[in-house]
Structure formats: C-alpha cells, structure tokens
Amino acid sequence: MRLIKDILRGVVIGVANIIPGVSGGTMMVSMGIYDTVIGCINGLFKDLKRCVKTLLPYVLGMALGIVGLSKLLTFLLATYPLQTNLAFIGLIFGGLPAILSQTKGDKKGLPGAVAFIAAFALVIGLQLLGEGDGRDAALTLSVGQVCVLFVMGVIASATMVIPGVSGSMMLMLLGYYNPIVGTVSRFADALAHLNMGEILSCCGVLVPFGLGVVVGIFAIARLIETLLRRYKGPTYCAILGLVAASPVAILMATDLSGATLLSWAAGIALLAAGFACAYKLGGE
C-alpha cells in the first residue's frame, strides 16, 4: 500500500512538472515528502540502497505522469483550463497544513517575514514575465544544440526541487517548452508503436536534456539542504511564500474568458477533491 501511495505521489509530481506555472517542488512539499526527497538526493552516494529504495517509487511515478499523461494533460488544459488548474490549486492548498507544521517552534522573526515576502514576489514576478512567451526554438542535433539542451535541463530541474518556481514556465519563456513537450509526446507514440528510428531521434533531444535535469537536481538539492540545516525557520518561510503564491500565479495564467457558472462549480468541486487528495497523500 505504501508503494502504491509513493508511486501516486510521483505521478502528481510528474504531471505538475509539465504544467507551466505549477511546480513539482510545491507538490512534494504539499505531500509531505520534500525533506525526505532532498535528503535522499544528497545522500544517494553515502547510503545508496536506502536512498534508491526511497526514491525509486517517486521516479517511476514521475515517469508515468510525464510520459503517460502528457497528451491527456494537454487536452485537459486546452479544453477545461479552469477546472484543471483549480484541481492543482486544491492539491497545493491540501499541503499547506504540512508546511505550517514544519515551521512550528522555529525562530523566524523579521528574516522569516522578509523571506516570505521576497519568495511570494518572486513567483508573481516570474508569472508576469511569463506572459510574454518566447518563440519556440528549433531543435537540431548539433553539438551546440546538445549543450543548450543540457543547460535547459539544469534550468528545468528548478521545478523539481524549488517549491513555487515553475521550470516549465522558464522553458516557455526561453522557447523550449513546446519543443521538449512535443518531443516527449512523440517519444511516447514511438514507444507505443516500437518505432526505433523515431525513438532514437527523440533520445537525441531528451538524453542531454535529462542529464541536465539530473545535474541540476543534485546541485540545487545540496543548496536547499544547507539552507534548511543552517536557517530552517527563514527557509521554510520562503518555501511557504513560494507555495502560497503558486495558486495566484496559476490563476493569472488561466484563461477565464469563457468560464461559466457550471465550469466554476465543477472547478471548485475538483479543488476540494485535490485538497483531499493532497491531504491524504501527505499522510504516512
């Protein structure tokens, strides 16, 4: 049962990672596994067996969420943007009690307040910048492009480790979001039809990007662990600011022009369901 719950947590994180404006790190915090994941990433080479056993279900779930649900998610965001985004806002709200419990008893004071405000403003500022999407980049299998894809992977890893910061949104700003998500979708189709030529072509894009993600995750995880160890109170205040700003950023990015009373009602119901889901997944 614990294994299934951890895989489901990974699915939620994976789906969050491919939605512009939504952070996989936020989902980790919301489900109460943030400290565990950061600790295992940093301790991977010190306690390989335990860390792999802990991380593997999350990684499997993330892979299922990203590869298996990318097409469905694209359809839902295009057809039901309000309801889909409200469901994710519910997931975020459902995790706030777990975050607040982590800050109890820690000295926060003025540094904590400043950290919260700065983090909140950062997410809103990134969303405002994100309204001016860059042109889609053309992907070619050249040495220069491989290096660029590696750097894009490092940037994207921020969404997996830093709560509230959407790597997907940063990729969209830089013009690499649609090409990379499109490549993931092509890879899933090629895998389903065992088209080896197309699979290898997609790997030429996804492998350097994936390596960049791995390197970025290790580097950022080390920084986060250091901050949590030395400045736990203010760091959790910053995390709370990042997470609290996420619902605002998501709504800013949602097209509300065609929203009806029925769609709002359905969205609120999904928000409640998302809250319950995150609250349940956040428990042991």
C-alpha atoms as a PDB file:
ATOM      1  CA  MET A   1       0.000   0.000   0.000  1.00  0.00           C
ATOM      2  CA  ARG A   2       2.854   2.393   0.853  1.00  0.00           C
ATOM      3  CA  LEU A   3       4.487   1.605  -2.510  1.00  0.00           C
ATOM      4  CA  ILE A   4       1.301   2.454  -4.436  1.00  0.00           C
ATOM      5  CA  LYS A   5       0.898   5.703  -2.486  1.00  0.00           C
ATOM      6  CA  ASP A   6       4.507   6.721  -3.262  1.00  0.00           C
ATOM      7  CA  ILE A   7       4.053   5.950  -6.977  1.00  0.00           C
ATOM      8  CA  LEU A   8       0.871   8.067  -6.997  1.00  0.00           C
ATOM      9  CA  ARG A   9       2.797  10.879  -5.327  1.00  0.00           C
ATOM     10  CA  GLY A  10       5.366  10.605  -8.120  1.00  0.00           C
ATOM     11  CA  VAL A  11       2.612  10.769 -10.761  1.00  0.00           C
ATOM     12  CA  VAL A  12       1.307  14.021  -9.248  1.00  0.00           C
ATOM     13  CA  ILE A  13       4.835  15.485  -9.184  1.00  0.00           C
ATOM     14  CA  GLY A  14       5.481  14.400 -12.779  1.00  0.00           C
ATOM     15  CA  VAL A  15       2.228  15.919 -14.059  1.00  0.00           C
ATOM     16  CA  ALA A  16       2.962  19.152 -12.165  1.00  0.00           C
ATOM     17  CA  ASN A  17       6.381  19.353 -13.796  1.00  0.00           C
ATOM     18  CA  ILE A  18       4.883  19.703 -17.285  1.00  0.00           C
ATOM     19  CA  ILE A  19       2.309  22.402 -16.441  1.00  0.00           C
ATOM     20  CA  PRO A  20       3.607  25.983 -16.880  1.00  0.00           C
ATOM     21  CA  GLY A  21       3.101  27.850 -13.618  1.00  0.00           C
ATOM     22  CA  VAL A  22       2.857  24.697 -11.477  1.00  0.00           C
ATOM     23  CA  SER A  23       5.870  23.428  -9.546  1.00  0.00           C
ATOM     24  CA  GLY A  24       6.730  19.807  -8.859  1.00  0.00           C
ATOM     25  CA  GLY A  25       8.605  21.025  -5.787  1.00  0.00           C
ATOM     26  CA  THR A  26       5.361  22.520  -4.491  1.00  0.00           C
ATOM     27  CA  MET A  27       3.667  19.149  -4.879  1.00  0.00           C
ATOM     28  CA  MET A  28       6.487  17.475  -2.931  1.00  0.00           C
ATOM     29  CA  VAL A  29       6.025  19.944  -0.086  1.00  0.00           C
ATOM     30  CA  SER A  30       2.243  19.549  -0.237  1.00  0.00           C
ATOM     31  CA  MET A  31       2.513  15.777   0.119  1.00  0.00           C
ATOM     32  CA  GLY A  32       4.985  15.946   2.996  1.00  0.00           C
ATOM     33  CA  ILE A  33       7.909  14.291   1.209  1.00  0.00           C
ATOM     34  CA  TYR A  34      10.091  17.324   0.438  1.00  0.00           C
ATOM     35  CA  ASP A  35      12.681  16.857   3.195  1.00  0.00           C
ATOM     36  CA  THR A  36      12.825  13.102   2.516  1.00  0.00           C
ATOM     37  CA  VAL A  37      13.462  13.554  -1.209  1.00  0.00           C
ATOM     38  CA  ILE A  38      16.096  16.286  -0.689  1.00  0.00           C
ATOM     39  CA  GLY A  39      17.863  14.171   1.948  1.00  0.00           C
ATOM     40  CA  CYS A  40      17.916  11.092  -0.287  1.00  0.00           C
ATOM     41  CA  ILE A  41      19.195  13.029  -3.313  1.00  0.00           C
ATOM     42  CA  ASN A  42      22.084  14.409  -1.268  1.00  0.00           C
ATOM     43  CA  GLY A  43      22.773  11.086   0.484  1.00  0.00           C
ATOM     44  CA  LEU A  44      22.495   8.929  -2.633  1.00  0.00           C
ATOM     45  CA  PHE A  45      26.193   8.023  -2.757  1.00  0.00           C
ATOM     46  CA  LYS A  46      26.531   7.654   1.019  1.00  0.00           C
ATOM     47  CA  ASP A  47      23.578   5.310   1.550  1.00  0.00           C
ATOM     48  CA  LEU A  48      22.818   4.048  -1.953  1.00  0.00           C
ATOM     49  CA  LYS A  49      20.493   1.157  -1.072  1.00  0.00           C
ATOM     50  CA  ARG A  50      18.205   3.108   1.266  1.00  0.00           C
ATOM     51  CA  CYS A  51      18.052   6.201  -0.940  1.00  0.00           C
ATOM     52  CA  VAL A  52      17.320   4.243  -4.130  1.00  0.00           C
ATOM     53  CA  LYS A  53      14.592   2.292  -2.320  1.00  0.00           C
ATOM     54  CA  THR A  54      13.034   5.590  -1.188  1.00  0.00           C
ATOM     55  CA  LEU A  55      13.362   7.499  -4.468  1.00  0.00           C
ATOM     56  CA  LEU A  56      12.535   4.732  -6.962  1.00  0.00           C
ATOM     57  CA  PRO A  57       8.710   4.781  -6.486  1.00  0.00           C
ATOM     58  CA  TYR A  58       8.677   8.568  -6.899  1.00  0.00           C
ATOM     59  CA  VAL A  59      10.832   8.369 -10.030  1.00  0.00           C
ATOM     60  CA  LEU A  60       8.624   5.636 -11.520  1.00  0.00           C
ATOM     61  CA  GLY A  61       5.531   7.684 -10.787  1.00  0.00           C
ATOM     62  CA  MET A  62       7.074  10.813 -12.309  1.00  0.00           C
ATOM     63  CA  ALA A  63       7.959   8.903 -15.478  1.00  0.00           C
ATOM     64  CA  LEU A  64       4.383   7.591 -15.696  1.00  0.00           C
ATOM     65  CA  GLY A  65       2.996  11.071 -15.124  1.00  0.00           C
ATOM     66  CA  ILE A  66       5.230  12.802 -17.676  1.00  0.00           C
ATOM     67  CA  VAL A  67       5.208  10.204 -20.477  1.00  0.00           C
ATOM     68  CA  GLY A  68       1.834   8.573 -19.920  1.00  0.00           C
ATOM     69  CA  LEU A  69      -0.278  11.621 -19.148  1.00  0.00           C
ATOM     70  CA  SER A  70       1.297  14.356 -21.297  1.00  0.00           C
ATOM     71  CA  LYS A  71      -1.306  14.008 -24.053  1.00  0.00           C
ATOM     72  CA  LEU A  72      -4.230  13.834 -21.623  1.00  0.00           C
ATOM     73  CA  LEU A  73      -2.955  16.853 -19.742  1.00  0.00           C
ATOM     74  CA  THR A  74      -2.529  18.845 -22.946  1.00  0.00           C
ATOM     75  CA  PHE A  75      -6.147  18.022 -23.848  1.00  0.00           C
ATOM     76  CA  LEU A  76      -7.476  18.930 -20.385  1.00  0.00           C
ATOM     77  CA  LEU A  77      -5.616  22.247 -20.254  1.00  0.00           C
ATOM     78  CA  ALA A  78      -6.841  23.156 -23.740  1.00  0.00           C
ATOM     79  CA  THR A  79     -10.448  22.067 -23.151  1.00  0.00           C
ATOM     80  CA  TYR A  80     -11.000  22.597 -19.409  1.00  0.00           C
ATOM     81  CA  PRO A  81      -8.295  25.070 -18.278  1.00  0.00           C
ATOM     82  CA  LEU A  82     -10.195  26.448 -15.272  1.00  0.00           C
ATOM     83  CA  GLN A  83     -11.217  23.072 -13.853  1.00  0.00           C
ATOM     84  CA  THR A  84      -7.764  21.529 -14.424  1.00  0.00           C
ATOM     85  CA  ASN A  85      -5.907  24.414 -12.787  1.00  0.00           C
ATOM     86  CA  LEU A  86      -8.323  24.586  -9.852  1.00  0.00           C
ATOM     87  CA  ALA A  87      -7.651  20.887  -9.237  1.00  0.00           C
ATOM     88  CA  PHE A  88      -3.936  21.682  -8.930  1.00  0.00           C
ATOM     89  CA  ILE A  89      -4.675  24.645  -6.669  1.00  0.00           C
ATOM     90  CA  GLY A  90      -6.583  22.208  -4.450  1.00  0.00           C
ATOM     91  CA  LEU A  91      -3.508  19.968  -4.351  1.00  0.00           C
ATOM     92  CA  ILE A  92      -1.429  22.954  -3.237  1.00  0.00           C
ATOM     93  CA  PHE A  93      -3.906  24.055  -0.546  1.00  0.00           C
ATOM     94  CA  GLY A  94      -4.088  20.499   0.752  1.00  0.00           C
ATOM     95  CA  GLY A  95      -0.407  20.598   1.566  1.00  0.00           C
ATOM     96  CA  LEU A  96      -0.346  23.908   3.447  1.00  0.00           C
ATOM     97  CA  PRO A  97      -1.075  22.291   6.864  1.00  0.00           C
ATOM     98  CA  ALA A  98       2.015  20.091   6.419  1.00  0.00           C
ATOM     99  CA  ILE A  99       4.176  23.134   5.621  1.00  0.00           C
ATOM    100  CA  LEU A 100       2.841  25.124   8.575  1.00  0.00           C
ATOM    101  CA  SER A 101       3.572  22.223  10.912  1.00  0.00           C
ATOM    102  CA  GLN A 102       7.214  22.298   9.794  1.00  0.00           C
ATOM    103  CA  THR A 103       7.611  25.929  10.905  1.00  0.00           C
ATOM    104  CA  LYS A 104       6.311  25.451  14.455  1.00  0.00           C
ATOM    105  CA  GLY A 105       8.840  26.223  17.170  1.00  0.00           C
ATOM    106  CA  ASP A 106      11.454  27.689  14.812  1.00  0.00           C
ATOM    107  CA  LYS A 107      12.643  31.262  15.257  1.00  0.00           C
ATOM    108  CA  LYS A 108      11.525  33.268  12.243  1.00  0.00           C
ATOM    109  CA  GLY A 109      11.100  36.967  13.129  1.00  0.00           C
ATOM    110  CA  LEU A 110      11.981  39.653  10.592  1.00  0.00           C
ATOM    111  CA  PRO A 111      14.207  37.368   8.442  1.00  0.00           C
ATOM    112  CA  GLY A 112      11.272  34.956   8.088  1.00  0.00           C
ATOM    113  CA  ALA A 113       8.874  37.746   7.101  1.00  0.00           C
ATOM    114  CA  VAL A 114      11.336  39.128   4.545  1.00  0.00           C
ATOM    115  CA  ALA A 115      11.950  35.635   3.137  1.00  0.00           C
ATOM    116  CA  PHE A 116       8.187  35.023   2.786  1.00  0.00           C
ATOM    117  CA  ILE A 117       7.523  38.333   1.018  1.00  0.00           C
ATOM    118  CA  ALA A 118      10.542  38.005  -1.290  1.00  0.00           C
ATOM    119  CA  ALA A 119       9.623  34.451  -2.265  1.00  0.00           C
ATOM    120  CA  PHE A 120       5.967  35.388  -2.855  1.00  0.00           C
ATOM    121  CA  ALA A 121       7.025  38.342  -5.022  1.00  0.00           C
ATOM    122  CA  LEU A 122       9.473  36.150  -6.985  1.00  0.00           C
ATOM    123  CA  VAL A 123       6.741  33.737  -8.105  1.00  0.00           C
ATOM    124  CA  ILE A 124       4.343  36.533  -9.076  1.00  0.00           C
ATOM    125  CA  GLY A 125       7.157  38.361 -10.898  1.00  0.00           C
ATOM    126  CA  LEU A 126       8.093  35.253 -12.870  1.00  0.00           C
ATOM    127  CA  GLN A 127       4.447  34.795 -13.842  1.00  0.00           C
ATOM    128  CA  LEU A 128       4.205  38.401 -15.036  1.00  0.00           C
ATOM    129  CA  LEU A 129       7.334  37.878 -17.144  1.00  0.00           C
ATOM    130  CA  GLY A 130       5.877  34.618 -18.424  1.00  0.00           C
ATOM    131  CA  GLU A 131       3.024  36.446 -20.106  1.00  0.00           C
ATOM    132  CA  GLY A 132       5.431  37.353 -22.851  1.00  0.00           C
ATOM    133  CA  ASP A 133       6.209  33.868 -24.176  1.00  0.00           C
ATOM    134  CA  GLY A 134       9.266  33.472 -26.316  1.00  0.00           C
ATOM    135  CA  ARG A 135       9.260  31.924 -29.781  1.00  0.00           C
ATOM    136  CA  ASP A 136       9.638  28.172 -29.964  1.00  0.00           C
ATOM    137  CA  ALA A 137      13.228  27.113 -30.548  1.00  0.00           C
ATOM    138  CA  ALA A 138      14.115  24.866 -33.475  1.00  0.00           C
ATOM    139  CA  LEU A 139      15.675  21.623 -32.237  1.00  0.00           C
ATOM    140  CA  THR A 140      18.626  20.283 -34.245  1.00  0.00           C
ATOM    141  CA  LEU A 141      21.048  17.513 -33.290  1.00  0.00           C
ATOM    142  CA  SER A 142      24.184  19.654 -33.380  1.00  0.00           C
ATOM    143  CA  VAL A 143      26.884  19.860 -30.692  1.00  0.00           C
ATOM    144  CA  GLY A 144      25.810  23.395 -29.816  1.00  0.00           C
ATOM    145  CA  GLN A 145      22.154  22.392 -29.532  1.00  0.00           C
ATOM    146  CA  VAL A 146      23.039  19.423 -27.312  1.00  0.00           C
ATOM    147  CA  CYS A 147      24.871  21.817 -24.945  1.00  0.00           C
ATOM    148  CA  VAL A 148      21.894  24.190 -24.948  1.00  0.00           C
ATOM    149  CA  LEU A 149      19.523  21.304 -24.179  1.00  0.00           C
ATOM    150  CA  PHE A 150      21.762  20.321 -21.253  1.00  0.00           C
ATOM    151  CA  VAL A 151      21.534  23.887 -19.874  1.00  0.00           C
ATOM    152  CA  MET A 152      17.751  23.864 -20.391  1.00  0.00           C
ATOM    153  CA  GLY A 153      17.623  20.660 -18.336  1.00  0.00           C
ATOM    154  CA  VAL A 154      19.515  22.349 -15.492  1.00  0.00           C
ATOM    155  CA  ILE A 155      17.015  25.228 -15.589  1.00  0.00           C
ATOM    156  CA  ALA A 156      14.043  22.843 -15.682  1.00  0.00           C
ATOM    157  CA  SER A 157      15.340  20.994 -12.628  1.00  0.00           C
ATOM    158  CA  ALA A 158      14.388  24.043 -10.552  1.00  0.00           C
ATOM    159  CA  THR A 159      10.731  22.987 -10.844  1.00  0.00           C
ATOM    160  CA  MET A 160      11.546  19.614  -9.312  1.00  0.00           C
ATOM    161  CA  VAL A 161      13.446  20.928  -6.308  1.00  0.00           C
ATOM    162  CA  ILE A 162      12.446  24.546  -5.582  1.00  0.00           C
ATOM    163  CA  PRO A 163       8.797  24.852  -4.496  1.00  0.00           C
ATOM    164  CA  GLY A 164       6.813  27.512  -6.344  1.00  0.00           C
ATOM    165  CA  VAL A 165       9.330  28.004  -9.154  1.00  0.00           C
ATOM    166  CA  SER A 166       7.984  26.571 -12.397  1.00  0.00           C
ATOM    167  CA  GLY A 167      10.735  25.218 -14.627  1.00  0.00           C
ATOM    168  CA  SER A 168       8.094  24.692 -17.311  1.00  0.00           C
ATOM    169  CA  MET A 169       7.307  28.400 -17.283  1.00  0.00           C
ATOM    170  CA  MET A 170      11.020  29.255 -17.551  1.00  0.00           C
ATOM    171  CA  LEU A 171      11.335  26.885 -20.527  1.00  0.00           C
ATOM    172  CA  MET A 172       8.332  28.572 -22.130  1.00  0.00           C
ATOM    173  CA  LEU A 173       9.980  31.976 -21.700  1.00  0.00           C
ATOM    174  CA  LEU A 174      13.131  30.639 -23.386  1.00  0.00           C
ATOM    175  CA  GLY A 175      11.168  28.987 -26.209  1.00  0.00           C
ATOM    176  CA  TYR A 176      11.950  25.381 -25.317  1.00  0.00           C
ATOM    177  CA  TYR A 177       8.747  24.279 -23.558  1.00  0.00           C
ATOM    178  CA  ASN A 178       6.645  23.308 -26.604  1.00  0.00           C
ATOM    179  CA  PRO A 179       9.536  21.635 -28.497  1.00  0.00           C
ATOM    180  CA  ILE A 180      10.516  19.493 -25.485  1.00  0.00           C
ATOM    181  CA  VAL A 181       6.938  18.560 -24.502  1.00  0.00           C
ATOM    182  CA  GLY A 182       6.277  17.782 -28.175  1.00  0.00           C
ATOM    183  CA  THR A 183       9.342  15.524 -28.215  1.00  0.00           C
ATOM    184  CA  VAL A 184       8.091  13.711 -25.084  1.00  0.00           C
ATOM    185  CA  SER A 185       4.737  13.166 -26.813  1.00  0.00           C
ATOM    186  CA  ARG A 186       6.474  11.881 -29.974  1.00  0.00           C
ATOM    187  CA  PHE A 187       8.632   9.579 -27.837  1.00  0.00           C
ATOM    188  CA  ALA A 188       5.517   8.107 -26.161  1.00  0.00           C
ATOM    189  CA  ASP A 189       3.922   7.476 -29.573  1.00  0.00           C
ATOM    190  CA  ALA A 190       7.113   5.943 -30.984  1.00  0.00           C
ATOM    191  CA  LEU A 191       7.457   3.726 -27.910  1.00  0.00           C
ATOM    192  CA  ALA A 192       3.869   2.519 -28.292  1.00  0.00           C
ATOM    193  CA  HIS A 193       4.499   1.606 -31.949  1.00  0.00           C
ATOM    194  CA  LEU A 194       8.101   0.372 -31.384  1.00  0.00           C
ATOM    195  CA  ASN A 195       9.394   2.855 -33.985  1.00  0.00           C
ATOM    196  CA  MET A 196      13.131   2.614 -33.216  1.00  0.00           C
ATOM    197  CA  GLY A 197      14.143   5.358 -35.656  1.00  0.00           C
ATOM    198  CA  GLU A 198      11.791   7.855 -34.030  1.00  0.00           C
ATOM    199  CA  ILE A 199      12.759   6.662 -30.536  1.00  0.00           C
ATOM    200  CA  LEU A 200      16.455   7.317 -31.244  1.00  0.00           C
ATOM    201  CA  SER A 201      15.648  10.693 -32.779  1.00  0.00           C
ATOM    202  CA  CYS A 202      13.727  11.718 -29.660  1.00  0.00           C
ATOM    203  CA  CYS A 203      16.518  10.429 -27.416  1.00  0.00           C
ATOM    204  CA  GLY A 204      18.902  12.817 -29.182  1.00  0.00           C
ATOM    205  CA  VAL A 205      16.876  15.616 -27.605  1.00  0.00           C
ATOM    206  CA  LEU A 206      15.704  14.027 -24.365  1.00  0.00           C
ATOM    207  CA  VAL A 207      19.010  12.459 -23.219  1.00  0.00           C
ATOM    208  CA  PRO A 208      21.065  15.709 -22.973  1.00  0.00           C
ATOM    209  CA  PHE A 209      18.042  17.495 -21.507  1.00  0.00           C
ATOM    210  CA  GLY A 210      17.589  14.683 -18.952  1.00  0.00           C
ATOM    211  CA  LEU A 211      21.285  14.746 -17.994  1.00  0.00           C
ATOM    212  CA  GLY A 212      20.971  18.482 -17.355  1.00  0.00           C
ATOM    213  CA  VAL A 213      17.952  17.842 -15.132  1.00  0.00           C
ATOM    214  CA  VAL A 214      19.898  15.267 -13.087  1.00  0.00           C
ATOM    215  CA  VAL A 215      22.928  17.566 -12.617  1.00  0.00           C
ATOM    216  CA  GLY A 216      20.674  20.496 -11.700  1.00  0.00           C
ATOM    217  CA  ILE A 217      18.705  18.470  -9.171  1.00  0.00           C
ATOM    218  CA  PHE A 218      21.860  17.402  -7.298  1.00  0.00           C
ATOM    219  CA  ALA A 219      23.278  20.950  -7.263  1.00  0.00           C
ATOM    220  CA  ILE A 220      20.062  22.637  -6.096  1.00  0.00           C
ATOM    221  CA  ALA A 221      19.261  19.894  -3.576  1.00  0.00           C
ATOM    222  CA  ARG A 222      22.633  20.457  -1.915  1.00  0.00           C
ATOM    223  CA  LEU A 223      21.912  24.186  -1.615  1.00  0.00           C
ATOM    224  CA  ILE A 224      18.417  23.594  -0.189  1.00  0.00           C
ATOM    225  CA  GLU A 225      19.705  21.089   2.384  1.00  0.00           C
ATOM    226  CA  THR A 226      22.364  23.568   3.546  1.00  0.00           C
ATOM    227  CA  LEU A 227      19.763  26.323   3.945  1.00  0.00           C
ATOM    228  CA  LEU A 228      17.406  24.026   5.866  1.00  0.00           C
ATOM    229  CA  ARG A 229      20.225  22.977   8.186  1.00  0.00           C
ATOM    230  CA  ARG A 230      21.539  26.481   8.925  1.00  0.00           C
ATOM    231  CA  TYR A 231      18.446  28.668   8.547  1.00  0.00           C
ATOM    232  CA  LYS A 232      15.464  26.335   8.938  1.00  0.00           C
ATOM    233  CA  GLY A 233      12.918  28.955  10.083  1.00  0.00           C
ATOM    234  CA  PRO A 234      13.516  31.574   7.354  1.00  0.00           C
ATOM    235  CA  THR A 235      13.973  28.862   4.696  1.00  0.00           C
ATOM    236  CA  TYR A 236      10.582  27.338   5.486  1.00  0.00           C
ATOM    237  CA  CYS A 237       9.068  30.840   5.471  1.00  0.00           C
ATOM    238  CA  ALA A 238      10.491  31.283   1.968  1.00  0.00           C
ATOM    239  CA  ILE A 239       9.094  27.891   0.937  1.00  0.00           C
ATOM    240  CA  LEU A 240       5.715  28.900   2.381  1.00  0.00           C
ATOM    241  CA  GLY A 241       5.876  32.138   0.357  1.00  0.00           C
ATOM    242  CA  LEU A 242       6.662  30.234  -2.830  1.00  0.00           C
ATOM    243  CA  VAL A 243       3.820  27.787  -2.241  1.00  0.00           C
ATOM    244  CA  ALA A 244       1.295  30.458  -1.171  1.00  0.00           C
ATOM    245  CA  ALA A 245       1.985  32.440  -4.357  1.00  0.00           C
ATOM    246  CA  SER A 246       1.543  29.425  -6.625  1.00  0.00           C
ATOM    247  CA  PRO A 247      -2.314  29.461  -6.691  1.00  0.00           C
ATOM    248  CA  VAL A 248      -2.238  33.180  -7.544  1.00  0.00           C
ATOM    249  CA  ALA A 249       0.259  32.563 -10.349  1.00  0.00           C
ATOM    250  CA  ILE A 250      -1.785  29.654 -11.702  1.00  0.00           C
ATOM    251  CA  LEU A 251      -4.969  31.754 -11.828  1.00  0.00           C
ATOM    252  CA  MET A 252      -3.044  34.585 -13.509  1.00  0.00           C
ATOM    253  CA  ALA A 253      -2.048  32.159 -16.259  1.00  0.00           C
ATOM    254  CA  THR A 254      -5.554  30.677 -16.660  1.00  0.00           C
ATOM    255  CA  ASP A 255      -7.844  31.861 -19.452  1.00  0.00           C
ATOM    256  CA  LEU A 256     -11.057  32.811 -17.641  1.00  0.00           C
ATOM    257  CA  SER A 257     -12.772  34.480 -20.594  1.00  0.00           C
ATOM    258  CA  GLY A 258     -15.066  31.536 -21.373  1.00  0.00           C
ATOM    259  CA  ALA A 259     -15.696  30.458 -17.779  1.00  0.00           C
ATOM    260  CA  THR A 260     -19.336  29.767 -16.917  1.00  0.00           C
ATOM    261  CA  LEU A 261     -21.100  29.215 -13.598  1.00  0.00           C
ATOM    262  CA  LEU A 262     -21.105  25.476 -14.310  1.00  0.00           C
ATOM    263  CA  SER A 263     -17.368  25.412 -15.050  1.00  0.00           C
ATOM    264  CA  TRP A 264     -16.663  27.333 -11.828  1.00  0.00           C
ATOM    265  CA  ALA A 265     -18.838  24.871  -9.871  1.00  0.00           C
ATOM    266  CA  ALA A 266     -17.019  21.898 -11.410  1.00  0.00           C
ATOM    267  CA  GLY A 267     -13.681  23.593 -10.772  1.00  0.00           C
ATOM    268  CA  ILE A 268     -14.468  24.209  -7.098  1.00  0.00           C
ATOM    269  CA  ALA A 269     -15.521  20.572  -6.719  1.00  0.00           C
ATOM    270  CA  LEU A 270     -12.201  19.500  -8.256  1.00  0.00           C
ATOM    271  CA  LEU A 271     -10.372  21.949  -5.983  1.00  0.00           C
ATOM    272  CA  ALA A 272     -11.962  20.214  -2.981  1.00  0.00           C
ATOM    273  CA  ALA A 273     -11.037  16.814  -4.430  1.00  0.00           C
ATOM    274  CA  GLY A 274      -7.453  17.988  -4.985  1.00  0.00           C
ATOM    275  CA  PHE A 275      -7.280  19.263  -1.411  1.00  0.00           C
ATOM    276  CA  ALA A 276      -8.479  15.909  -0.067  1.00  0.00           C
ATOM    277  CA  CYS A 277      -6.056  14.033  -2.323  1.00  0.00           C
ATOM    278  CA  ALA A 278      -3.016  16.079  -1.233  1.00  0.00           C
ATOM    279  CA  TYR A 279      -4.041  15.858   2.415  1.00  0.00           C
ATOM    280  CA  LYS A 280      -4.360  12.076   2.109  1.00  0.00           C
ATOM    281  CA  LEU A 281      -1.118  11.630   0.168  1.00  0.00           C
ATOM    282  CA  GLY A 282       0.644  13.849   2.690  1.00  0.00           C
ATOM    283  CA  GLY A 283      -0.014  11.324   5.453  1.00  0.00           C
ATOM    284  CA  GLU A 284       2.161   8.322   6.126  1.00  0.00           C
END
